[in-house]
PDB file of all heavy atoms in Angstrom:
ATOM      1  N   GLY A   1      21.150 -63.143  -4.013  1.00  0.00           N
ATOM      2  CA  GLY A   1      22.490 -63.631  -3.684  1.00  0.00           C
ATOM      3  C   GLY A   1      22.486 -64.683  -2.591  1.00  0.00           C
ATOM      4  O   GLY A   1      23.407 -65.500  -2.499  1.00  0.00           O
ATOM      5  N   ALA A   2      21.440 -64.677  -1.760  1.00  0.00           N
ATOM      6  CA  ALA A   2      21.308 -65.662  -0.681  1.00  0.00           C
ATOM      7  C   ALA A   2      20.354 -66.780  -1.060  1.00  0.00           C
ATOM      8  O   ALA A   2      19.974 -67.594  -0.210  1.00  0.00           O
ATOM      9  CB  ALA A   2      20.824 -64.967   0.590  1.00  0.00           C
ATOM     10  N   GLY A   3      19.937 -66.802  -2.321  1.00  0.00           N
ATOM     11  CA  GLY A   3      18.996 -67.828  -2.767  1.00  0.00           C
ATOM     12  C   GLY A   3      17.590 -67.607  -2.266  1.00  0.00           C
ATOM     13  O   GLY A   3      16.798 -68.562  -2.188  1.00  0.00           O
ATOM     14  N   GLN A   4      17.255 -66.353  -1.952  1.00  0.00           N
ATOM     15  CA  GLN A   4      15.946 -66.026  -1.392  1.00  0.00           C
ATOM     16  C   GLN A   4      15.206 -65.038  -2.298  1.00  0.00           C
ATOM     17  O   GLN A   4      15.744 -64.570  -3.297  1.00  0.00           O
ATOM     18  CB  GLN A   4      16.106 -65.417   0.008  1.00  0.00           C
ATOM     19  CG  GLN A   4      16.809 -66.322   0.995  1.00  0.00           C
ATOM     20  CD  GLN A   4      16.052 -67.606   1.257  1.00  0.00           C
ATOM     21  OE1 GLN A   4      14.955 -67.595   1.789  1.00  0.00           O
ATOM     22  NE2 GLN A   4      16.643 -68.731   0.875  1.00  0.00           N
ATOM     23  N   GLN A   5      13.990 -64.705  -1.921  1.00  0.00           N
ATOM     24  CA  GLN A   5      13.158 -63.802  -2.695  1.00  0.00           C
ATOM     25  C   GLN A   5      12.491 -62.798  -1.775  1.00  0.00           C
ATOM     26  O   GLN A   5      12.048 -63.153  -0.672  1.00  0.00           O
ATOM     27  CB  GLN A   5      12.085 -64.597  -3.456  1.00  0.00           C
ATOM     28  CG  GLN A   5      11.181 -63.748  -4.330  1.00  0.00           C
ATOM     29  CD  GLN A   5      10.147 -64.582  -5.061  1.00  0.00           C
ATOM     30  OE1 GLN A   5       9.955 -65.759  -4.763  1.00  0.00           O
ATOM     31  NE2 GLN A   5       9.462 -63.986  -6.018  1.00  0.00           N
ATOM     32  N   VAL A   6      12.424 -61.555  -2.210  1.00  0.00           N
ATOM     33  CA  VAL A   6      11.649 -60.544  -1.484  1.00  0.00           C
ATOM     34  C   VAL A   6      10.179 -60.812  -1.760  1.00  0.00           C
ATOM     35  O   VAL A   6       9.737 -60.772  -2.904  1.00  0.00           O
ATOM     36  CB  VAL A   6      12.043 -59.119  -1.926  1.00  0.00           C
ATOM     37  CG1 VAL A   6      11.136 -58.087  -1.254  1.00  0.00           C
ATOM     38  CG2 VAL A   6      13.506 -58.842  -1.585  1.00  0.00           C
ATOM     39  N   ARG A   7       9.406 -61.089  -0.702  1.00  0.00           N
ATOM     40  CA  ARG A   7       8.008 -61.487  -0.852  1.00  0.00           C
ATOM     41  C   ARG A   7       7.045 -60.307  -0.709  1.00  0.00           C
ATOM     42  O   ARG A   7       5.947 -60.334  -1.258  1.00  0.00           O
ATOM     43  CB  ARG A   7       7.632 -62.539   0.201  1.00  0.00           C
ATOM     44  CG  ARG A   7       8.461 -63.810   0.128  1.00  0.00           C
ATOM     45  CD  ARG A   7       7.943 -64.861   1.112  1.00  0.00           C
ATOM     46  NE  ARG A   7       6.636 -65.364   0.735  1.00  0.00           N
ATOM     47  CZ  ARG A   7       5.503 -65.080   1.364  1.00  0.00           C
ATOM     48  NH1 ARG A   7       5.510 -64.295   2.434  1.00  0.00           N
ATOM     49  NH2 ARG A   7       4.355 -65.588   0.960  1.00  0.00           N
ATOM     50  N   HIS A   8       7.455 -59.297   0.051  1.00  0.00           N
ATOM     51  CA  HIS A   8       6.535 -58.188   0.284  1.00  0.00           C
ATOM     52  C   HIS A   8       7.301 -56.880   0.400  1.00  0.00           C
ATOM     53  O   HIS A   8       8.529 -56.869   0.484  1.00  0.00           O
ATOM     54  CB  HIS A   8       5.693 -58.427   1.545  1.00  0.00           C
ATOM     55  CG  HIS A   8       6.455 -58.328   2.833  1.00  0.00           C
ATOM     56  ND1 HIS A   8       7.164 -59.385   3.383  1.00  0.00           N
ATOM     57  CD2 HIS A   8       6.638 -57.283   3.697  1.00  0.00           C
ATOM     58  CE1 HIS A   8       7.721 -59.011   4.507  1.00  0.00           C
ATOM     59  NE2 HIS A   8       7.417 -57.735   4.728  1.00  0.00           N
ATOM     60  N   VAL A   9       6.567 -55.787   0.409  1.00  0.00           N
ATOM     61  CA  VAL A   9       7.155 -54.458   0.583  1.00  0.00           C
ATOM     62  C   VAL A   9       6.243 -53.651   1.502  1.00  0.00           C
ATOM     63  O   VAL A   9       5.015 -53.743   1.427  1.00  0.00           O
ATOM     64  CB  VAL A   9       7.372 -53.754  -0.780  1.00  0.00           C
ATOM     65  CG1 VAL A   9       6.058 -53.595  -1.533  1.00  0.00           C
ATOM     66  CG2 VAL A   9       8.045 -52.399  -0.605  1.00  0.00           C
ATOM     67  N   LYS A  10       6.884 -52.885   2.393  1.00  0.00           N
ATOM     68  CA  LYS A  10       6.129 -52.078   3.358  1.00  0.00           C
ATOM     69  C   LYS A  10       6.869 -50.760   3.571  1.00  0.00           C
ATOM     70  O   LYS A  10       8.062 -50.756   3.863  1.00  0.00           O
ATOM     71  CB  LYS A  10       6.012 -52.831   4.689  1.00  0.00           C
ATOM     72  CG  LYS A  10       5.408 -51.989   5.816  1.00  0.00           C
ATOM     73  CD  LYS A  10       5.540 -52.664   7.159  1.00  0.00           C
ATOM     74  CE  LYS A  10       5.321 -51.655   8.278  1.00  0.00           C
ATOM     75  NZ  LYS A  10       5.436 -52.279   9.604  1.00  0.00           N
ATOM     76  N   LEU A  11       6.172 -49.659   3.427  1.00  0.00           N
ATOM     77  CA  LEU A  11       6.790 -48.354   3.605  1.00  0.00           C
ATOM     78  C   LEU A  11       7.126 -48.091   5.069  1.00  0.00           C
ATOM     79  O   LEU A  11       6.475 -48.598   5.981  1.00  0.00           O
ATOM     80  CB  LEU A  11       5.853 -47.247   3.121  1.00  0.00           C
ATOM     81  CG  LEU A  11       5.695 -47.074   1.617  1.00  0.00           C
ATOM     82  CD1 LEU A  11       4.745 -45.925   1.333  1.00  0.00           C
ATOM     83  CD2 LEU A  11       7.039 -46.834   0.945  1.00  0.00           C
ATOM     84  N   HIS A  12       8.135 -47.225   5.264  1.00  0.00           N
ATOM     85  CA  HIS A  12       8.588 -46.862   6.607  1.00  0.00           C
ATOM     86  C   HIS A  12       8.178 -45.436   6.965  1.00  0.00           C
ATOM     87  O   HIS A  12       8.176 -44.542   6.119  1.00  0.00           O
ATOM     88  CB  HIS A  12      10.113 -46.971   6.688  1.00  0.00           C
ATOM     89  CG  HIS A  12      10.694 -46.364   7.931  1.00  0.00           C
ATOM     90  ND1 HIS A  12      10.676 -47.012   9.146  1.00  0.00           N
ATOM     91  CD2 HIS A  12      11.283 -45.165   8.151  1.00  0.00           C
ATOM     92  CE1 HIS A  12      11.244 -46.240  10.064  1.00  0.00           C
ATOM     93  NE2 HIS A  12      11.620 -45.115   9.485  1.00  0.00           N
ATOM     94  N   GLY A  13       7.889 -45.241   8.233  1.00  0.00           N
ATOM     95  CA  GLY A  13       7.844 -43.924   8.851  1.00  0.00           C
ATOM     96  C   GLY A  13       6.976 -42.879   8.191  1.00  0.00           C
ATOM     97  O   GLY A  13       5.806 -43.103   7.859  1.00  0.00           O
ATOM     98  N   ALA A  14       7.568 -41.688   7.996  1.00  0.00           N
ATOM     99  CA  ALA A  14       6.819 -40.549   7.474  1.00  0.00           C
ATOM    100  C   ALA A  14       6.268 -40.826   6.088  1.00  0.00           C
ATOM    101  O   ALA A  14       5.143 -40.409   5.756  1.00  0.00           O
ATOM    102  CB  ALA A  14       7.722 -39.313   7.442  1.00  0.00           C
ATOM    103  N   LEU A  15       7.018 -41.538   5.269  1.00  0.00           N
ATOM    104  CA  LEU A  15       6.540 -41.841   3.920  1.00  0.00           C
ATOM    105  C   LEU A  15       5.316 -42.758   3.968  1.00  0.00           C
ATOM    106  O   LEU A  15       4.376 -42.594   3.190  1.00  0.00           O
ATOM    107  CB  LEU A  15       7.665 -42.465   3.098  1.00  0.00           C
ATOM    108  CG  LEU A  15       7.392 -42.689   1.606  1.00  0.00           C
ATOM    109  CD1 LEU A  15       6.870 -41.425   0.942  1.00  0.00           C
ATOM    110  CD2 LEU A  15       8.658 -43.174   0.913  1.00  0.00           C
ATOM    111  N   ALA A  16       5.310 -43.698   4.896  1.00  0.00           N
ATOM    112  CA  ALA A  16       4.140 -44.573   5.064  1.00  0.00           C
ATOM    113  C   ALA A  16       2.920 -43.764   5.483  1.00  0.00           C
ATOM    114  O   ALA A  16       1.810 -43.972   4.975  1.00  0.00           O
ATOM    115  CB  ALA A  16       4.440 -45.654   6.098  1.00  0.00           C
ATOM    116  N   ASN A  17       3.114 -42.839   6.398  1.00  0.00           N
ATOM    117  CA  ASN A  17       1.996 -42.019   6.853  1.00  0.00           C
ATOM    118  C   ASN A  17       1.461 -41.144   5.723  1.00  0.00           C
ATOM    119  O   ASN A  17       0.248 -41.002   5.547  1.00  0.00           O
ATOM    120  CB  ASN A  17       2.420 -41.157   8.038  1.00  0.00           C
ATOM    121  CG  ASN A  17       2.668 -41.970   9.292  1.00  0.00           C
ATOM    122  OD1 ASN A  17       2.060 -43.015   9.492  1.00  0.00           O
ATOM    123  ND2 ASN A  17       3.569 -41.513  10.143  1.00  0.00           N
ATOM    124  N   MET A  18       2.370 -40.560   4.938  1.00  0.00           N
ATOM    125  CA  MET A  18       1.950 -39.697   3.836  1.00  0.00           C
ATOM    126  C   MET A  18       1.211 -40.490   2.760  1.00  0.00           C
ATOM    127  O   MET A  18       0.214 -40.029   2.198  1.00  0.00           O
ATOM    128  CB  MET A  18       3.159 -38.970   3.250  1.00  0.00           C
ATOM    129  CG  MET A  18       3.750 -37.942   4.210  1.00  0.00           C
ATOM    130  SD  MET A  18       5.343 -37.274   3.663  1.00  0.00           S
ATOM    131  CE  MET A  18       4.833 -36.284   2.257  1.00  0.00           C
ATOM    132  N   ALA A  19       1.686 -41.699   2.472  1.00  0.00           N
ATOM    133  CA  ALA A  19       1.020 -42.542   1.470  1.00  0.00           C
ATOM    134  C   ALA A  19      -0.351 -42.994   1.951  1.00  0.00           C
ATOM    135  O   ALA A  19      -1.240 -43.279   1.138  1.00  0.00           O
ATOM    136  CB  ALA A  19       1.886 -43.749   1.145  1.00  0.00           C
ATOM    137  N   SER A  20      -0.533 -43.071   3.265  1.00  0.00           N
ATOM    138  CA  SER A  20      -1.838 -43.451   3.813  1.00  0.00           C
ATOM    139  C   SER A  20      -2.843 -42.316   3.723  1.00  0.00           C
ATOM    140  O   SER A  20      -4.053 -42.541   3.752  1.00  0.00           O
ATOM    141  CB  SER A  20      -1.685 -43.878   5.273  1.00  0.00           C
ATOM    142  OG  SER A  20      -0.894 -45.047   5.362  1.00  0.00           O
ATOM    143  N   GLU A  21      -2.333 -41.087   3.597  1.00  0.00           N
ATOM    144  CA  GLU A  21      -3.189 -39.901   3.582  1.00  0.00           C
ATOM    145  C   GLU A  21      -3.413 -39.333   2.187  1.00  0.00           C
ATOM    146  O   GLU A  21      -4.453 -38.728   1.930  1.00  0.00           O
ATOM    147  CB  GLU A  21      -2.557 -38.806   4.458  1.00  0.00           C
ATOM    148  CG  GLU A  21      -2.373 -39.198   5.913  1.00  0.00           C
ATOM    149  CD  GLU A  21      -1.360 -38.318   6.634  1.00  0.00           C
ATOM    150  OE1 GLU A  21      -0.871 -37.335   6.013  1.00  0.00           O
ATOM    151  OE2 GLU A  21      -1.048 -38.608   7.799  1.00  0.00           O
ATOM    152  N   GLU A  22      -2.438 -39.511   1.278  1.00  0.00           N
ATOM    153  CA  GLU A  22      -2.478 -38.837  -0.016  1.00  0.00           C
ATOM    154  C   GLU A  22      -2.449 -39.860  -1.152  1.00  0.00           C
ATOM    155  O   GLU A  22      -1.489 -40.621  -1.296  1.00  0.00           O
ATOM    156  CB  GLU A  22      -1.293 -37.877  -0.149  1.00  0.00           C
ATOM    157  CG  GLU A  22      -1.257 -36.804   0.931  1.00  0.00           C
ATOM    158  CD  GLU A  22      -0.059 -35.881   0.799  1.00  0.00           C
ATOM    159  OE1 GLU A  22       0.330 -35.574  -0.351  1.00  0.00           O
ATOM    160  OE2 GLU A  22       0.498 -35.481   1.832  1.00  0.00           O
ATOM    161  N   ALA A  23      -3.475 -39.829  -1.987  1.00  0.00           N
ATOM    162  CA  ALA A  23      -3.616 -40.810  -3.065  1.00  0.00           C
ATOM    163  C   ALA A  23      -2.445 -40.762  -4.046  1.00  0.00           C
ATOM    164  O   ALA A  23      -1.982 -41.808  -4.521  1.00  0.00           O
ATOM    165  CB  ALA A  23      -4.932 -40.576  -3.805  1.00  0.00           C
ATOM    166  N   ALA A  24      -1.936 -39.572  -4.349  1.00  0.00           N
ATOM    167  CA  ALA A  24      -0.859 -39.447  -5.332  1.00  0.00           C
ATOM    168  C   ALA A  24       0.408 -40.145  -4.851  1.00  0.00           C
ATOM    169  O   ALA A  24       1.107 -40.808  -5.638  1.00  0.00           O
ATOM    170  CB  ALA A  24      -0.574 -37.973  -5.626  1.00  0.00           C
ATOM    171  N   ILE A  25       0.726 -40.005  -3.567  1.00  0.00           N
ATOM    172  CA  ILE A  25       1.917 -40.657  -3.021  1.00  0.00           C
ATOM    173  C   ILE A  25       1.691 -42.162  -2.965  1.00  0.00           C
ATOM    174  O   ILE A  25       2.588 -42.954  -3.290  1.00  0.00           O
ATOM    175  CB  ILE A  25       2.253 -40.092  -1.631  1.00  0.00           C
ATOM    176  CG1 ILE A  25       2.612 -38.611  -1.746  1.00  0.00           C
ATOM    177  CG2 ILE A  25       3.399 -40.871  -0.983  1.00  0.00           C
ATOM    178  CD1 ILE A  25       2.822 -37.916  -0.420  1.00  0.00           C
ATOM    179  N   ALA A  26       0.501 -42.571  -2.575  1.00  0.00           N
ATOM    180  CA  ALA A  26       0.181 -44.001  -2.541  1.00  0.00           C
ATOM    181  C   ALA A  26       0.339 -44.621  -3.927  1.00  0.00           C
ATOM    182  O   ALA A  26       0.904 -45.711  -4.083  1.00  0.00           O
ATOM    183  CB  ALA A  26      -1.239 -44.202  -2.025  1.00  0.00           C
ATOM    184  N   GLU A  27      -0.140 -43.937  -4.953  1.00  0.00           N
ATOM    185  CA  GLU A  27      -0.062 -44.469  -6.313  1.00  0.00           C
ATOM    186  C   GLU A  27       1.377 -44.535  -6.815  1.00  0.00           C
ATOM    187  O   GLU A  27       1.754 -45.472  -7.535  1.00  0.00           O
ATOM    188  CB  GLU A  27      -0.939 -43.624  -7.238  1.00  0.00           C
ATOM    189  CG  GLU A  27      -2.428 -43.839  -6.989  1.00  0.00           C
ATOM    190  CD  GLU A  27      -3.324 -42.812  -7.657  1.00  0.00           C
ATOM    191  OE1 GLU A  27      -2.777 -41.943  -8.391  1.00  0.00           O
ATOM    192  OE2 GLU A  27      -4.554 -42.871  -7.454  1.00  0.00           O
ATOM    193  N   ALA A  28       2.207 -43.556  -6.435  1.00  0.00           N
ATOM    194  CA  ALA A  28       3.619 -43.592  -6.821  1.00  0.00           C
ATOM    195  C   ALA A  28       4.329 -44.770  -6.164  1.00  0.00           C
ATOM    196  O   ALA A  28       5.181 -45.435  -6.788  1.00  0.00           O
ATOM    197  CB  ALA A  28       4.294 -42.277  -6.428  1.00  0.00           C
ATOM    198  N   TYR A  29       3.992 -45.048  -4.936  1.00  0.00           N
ATOM    199  CA  TYR A  29       4.564 -46.199  -4.220  1.00  0.00           C
ATOM    200  C   TYR A  29       4.144 -47.509  -4.869  1.00  0.00           C
ATOM    201  O   TYR A  29       4.971 -48.391  -5.132  1.00  0.00           O
ATOM    202  CB  TYR A  29       4.113 -46.137  -2.768  1.00  0.00           C
ATOM    203  CG  TYR A  29       4.252 -47.405  -1.964  1.00  0.00           C
ATOM    204  CD1 TYR A  29       5.424 -48.168  -2.010  1.00  0.00           C
ATOM    205  CD2 TYR A  29       3.220 -47.836  -1.141  1.00  0.00           C
ATOM    206  CE1 TYR A  29       5.544 -49.330  -1.256  1.00  0.00           C
ATOM    207  CE2 TYR A  29       3.331 -48.979  -0.378  1.00  0.00           C
ATOM    208  CZ  TYR A  29       4.488 -49.726  -0.445  1.00  0.00           C
ATOM    209  OH  TYR A  29       4.610 -50.873   0.307  1.00  0.00           O
ATOM    210  N   VAL A  30       2.866 -47.633  -5.158  1.00  0.00           N
ATOM    211  CA  VAL A  30       2.374 -48.867  -5.774  1.00  0.00           C
ATOM    212  C   VAL A  30       3.004 -49.061  -7.153  1.00  0.00           C
ATOM    213  O   VAL A  30       3.323 -50.193  -7.545  1.00  0.00           O
ATOM    214  CB  VAL A  30       0.833 -48.859  -5.843  1.00  0.00           C
ATOM    215  CG1 VAL A  30       0.320 -50.053  -6.620  1.00  0.00           C
ATOM    216  CG2 VAL A  30       0.243 -48.859  -4.433  1.00  0.00           C
ATOM    217  N   ALA A  31       3.224 -47.972  -7.880  1.00  0.00           N
ATOM    218  CA  ALA A  31       3.886 -48.073  -9.187  1.00  0.00           C
ATOM    219  C   ALA A  31       5.294 -48.636  -9.043  1.00  0.00           C
ATOM    220  O   ALA A  31       5.742 -49.449  -9.865  1.00  0.00           O
ATOM    221  CB  ALA A  31       3.925 -46.705  -9.853  1.00  0.00           C
ATOM    222  N   ALA A  32       6.008 -48.219  -8.001  1.00  0.00           N
ATOM    223  CA  ALA A  32       7.355 -48.743  -7.760  1.00  0.00           C
ATOM    224  C   ALA A  32       7.315 -50.224  -7.426  1.00  0.00           C
ATOM    225  O   ALA A  32       8.116 -51.017  -7.942  1.00  0.00           O
ATOM    226  CB  ALA A  32       8.023 -47.961  -6.629  1.00  0.00           C
ATOM    227  N   ALA A  33       6.386 -50.617  -6.575  1.00  0.00           N
ATOM    228  CA  ALA A  33       6.261 -52.029  -6.203  1.00  0.00           C
ATOM    229  C   ALA A  33       5.940 -52.884  -7.419  1.00  0.00           C
ATOM    230  O   ALA A  33       6.527 -53.963  -7.610  1.00  0.00           O
ATOM    231  CB  ALA A  33       5.185 -52.189  -5.131  1.00  0.00           C
ATOM    232  N   LYS A  34       5.039 -52.397  -8.248  1.00  0.00           N
ATOM    233  CA  LYS A  34       4.632 -53.159  -9.433  1.00  0.00           C
ATOM    234  C   LYS A  34       5.781 -53.281 -10.425  1.00  0.00           C
ATOM    235  O   LYS A  34       5.974 -54.326 -11.055  1.00  0.00           O
ATOM    236  CB  LYS A  34       3.422 -52.495 -10.091  1.00  0.00           C
ATOM    237  CG  LYS A  34       2.705 -53.381 -11.090  1.00  0.00           C
ATOM    238  CD  LYS A  34       1.331 -52.820 -11.421  1.00  0.00           C
ATOM    239  CE  LYS A  34       0.502 -53.829 -12.211  1.00  0.00           C
ATOM    240  NZ  LYS A  34      -0.882 -53.337 -12.429  1.00  0.00           N
ATOM    241  N   ALA A  35       6.562 -52.222 -10.566  1.00  0.00           N
ATOM    242  CA  ALA A  35       7.705 -52.261 -11.472  1.00  0.00           C
ATOM    243  C   ALA A  35       8.771 -53.231 -10.968  1.00  0.00           C
ATOM    244  O   ALA A  35       9.433 -53.914 -11.762  1.00  0.00           O
ATOM    245  CB  ALA A  35       8.295 -50.858 -11.632  1.00  0.00           C
ATOM    246  N   ALA A  36       8.954 -53.283  -9.656  1.00  0.00           N
ATOM    247  CA  ALA A  36       9.951 -54.184  -9.081  1.00  0.00           C
ATOM    248  C   ALA A  36       9.544 -55.639  -9.230  1.00  0.00           C
ATOM    249  O   ALA A  36      10.369 -56.502  -9.558  1.00  0.00           O
ATOM    250  CB  ALA A  36      10.165 -53.845  -7.607  1.00  0.00           C
ATOM    251  N   ASP A  37       8.259 -55.930  -8.987  1.00  0.00           N
ATOM    252  CA  ASP A  37       7.749 -57.297  -9.088  1.00  0.00           C
ATOM    253  C   ASP A  37       6.238 -57.238  -8.921  1.00  0.00           C
ATOM    254  O   ASP A  37       5.751 -56.952  -7.822  1.00  0.00           O
ATOM    255  CB  ASP A  37       8.370 -58.181  -8.002  1.00  0.00           C
ATOM    256  CG  ASP A  37       7.870 -59.618  -8.035  1.00  0.00           C
ATOM    257  OD1 ASP A  37       6.971 -59.925  -8.840  1.00  0.00           O
ATOM    258  OD2 ASP A  37       8.358 -60.436  -7.233  1.00  0.00           O
ATOM    259  N   PRO A  38       5.474 -57.497  -9.981  1.00  0.00           N
ATOM    260  CA  PRO A  38       4.010 -57.405  -9.865  1.00  0.00           C
ATOM    261  C   PRO A  38       3.400 -58.406  -8.900  1.00  0.00           C
ATOM    262  O   PRO A  38       2.222 -58.280  -8.544  1.00  0.00           O
ATOM    263  CB  PRO A  38       3.525 -57.660 -11.301  1.00  0.00           C
ATOM    264  CG  PRO A  38       4.658 -58.346 -11.987  1.00  0.00           C
ATOM    265  CD  PRO A  38       5.918 -57.847 -11.336  1.00  0.00           C
ATOM    266  N   ASP A  39       4.194 -59.387  -8.448  1.00  0.00           N
ATOM    267  CA  ASP A  39       3.689 -60.368  -7.484  1.00  0.00           C
ATOM    268  C   ASP A  39       4.028 -60.005  -6.038  1.00  0.00           C
ATOM    269  O   ASP A  39       3.675 -60.751  -5.117  1.00  0.00           O
ATOM    270  CB  ASP A  39       4.246 -61.762  -7.798  1.00  0.00           C
ATOM    271  CG  ASP A  39       3.721 -62.312  -9.117  1.00  0.00           C
ATOM    272  OD1 ASP A  39       2.554 -62.042  -9.438  1.00  0.00           O
ATOM    273  OD2 ASP A  39       4.480 -62.997  -9.827  1.00  0.00           O
ATOM    274  N   LEU A  40       4.720 -58.880  -5.821  1.00  0.00           N
ATOM    275  CA  LEU A  40       5.020 -58.452  -4.460  1.00  0.00           C
ATOM    276  C   LEU A  40       3.727 -58.209  -3.691  1.00  0.00           C
ATOM    277  O   LEU A  40       2.790 -57.592  -4.200  1.00  0.00           O
ATOM    278  CB  LEU A  40       5.821 -57.147  -4.463  1.00  0.00           C
ATOM    279  CG  LEU A  40       7.338 -57.201  -4.626  1.00  0.00           C
ATOM    280  CD1 LEU A  40       7.899 -55.783  -4.660  1.00  0.00           C
ATOM    281  CD2 LEU A  40       7.987 -57.994  -3.497  1.00  0.00           C
ATOM    282  N   ILE A  41       3.699 -58.676  -2.446  1.00  0.00           N
ATOM    283  CA  ILE A  41       2.588 -58.339  -1.555  1.00  0.00           C
ATOM    284  C   ILE A  41       2.848 -56.936  -1.010  1.00  0.00           C
ATOM    285  O   ILE A  41       3.921 -56.674  -0.453  1.00  0.00           O
ATOM    286  CB  ILE A  41       2.490 -59.335  -0.391  1.00  0.00           C
ATOM    287  CG1 ILE A  41       2.278 -60.763  -0.911  1.00  0.00           C
ATOM    288  CG2 ILE A  41       1.366 -58.940   0.564  1.00  0.00           C
ATOM    289  CD1 ILE A  41       2.478 -61.826   0.140  1.00  0.00           C
ATOM    290  N   VAL A  42       1.904 -56.040  -1.208  1.00  0.00           N
ATOM    291  CA  VAL A  42       2.070 -54.670  -0.723  1.00  0.00           C
ATOM    292  C   VAL A  42       1.349 -54.546   0.614  1.00  0.00           C
ATOM    293  O   VAL A  42       0.131 -54.747   0.698  1.00  0.00           O
ATOM    294  CB  VAL A  42       1.515 -53.647  -1.725  1.00  0.00           C
ATOM    295  CG1 VAL A  42       1.754 -52.225  -1.213  1.00  0.00           C
ATOM    296  CG2 VAL A  42       2.179 -53.825  -3.091  1.00  0.00           C
ATOM    297  N   VAL A  43       2.116 -54.249   1.640  1.00  0.00           N
ATOM    298  CA  VAL A  43       1.548 -54.074   2.981  1.00  0.00           C
ATOM    299  C   VAL A  43       1.014 -52.651   3.085  1.00  0.00           C
ATOM    300  O   VAL A  43       1.720 -51.686   2.784  1.00  0.00           O
ATOM    301  CB  VAL A  43       2.608 -54.333   4.056  1.00  0.00           C
ATOM    302  CG1 VAL A  43       2.015 -54.116   5.452  1.00  0.00           C
ATOM    303  CG2 VAL A  43       3.169 -55.743   3.930  1.00  0.00           C
TER     304      VAL A  43
END
């Protein structure tokens, strides 16, 4: 709506910590990022 593009995605807080520790949560997050835009930079 502002003529811009979301370039990257980065998890917040407890969810970020859990995804850093558990492969299943990390993979679910990456699946969401890929579905939203396969060119998103995942932090």
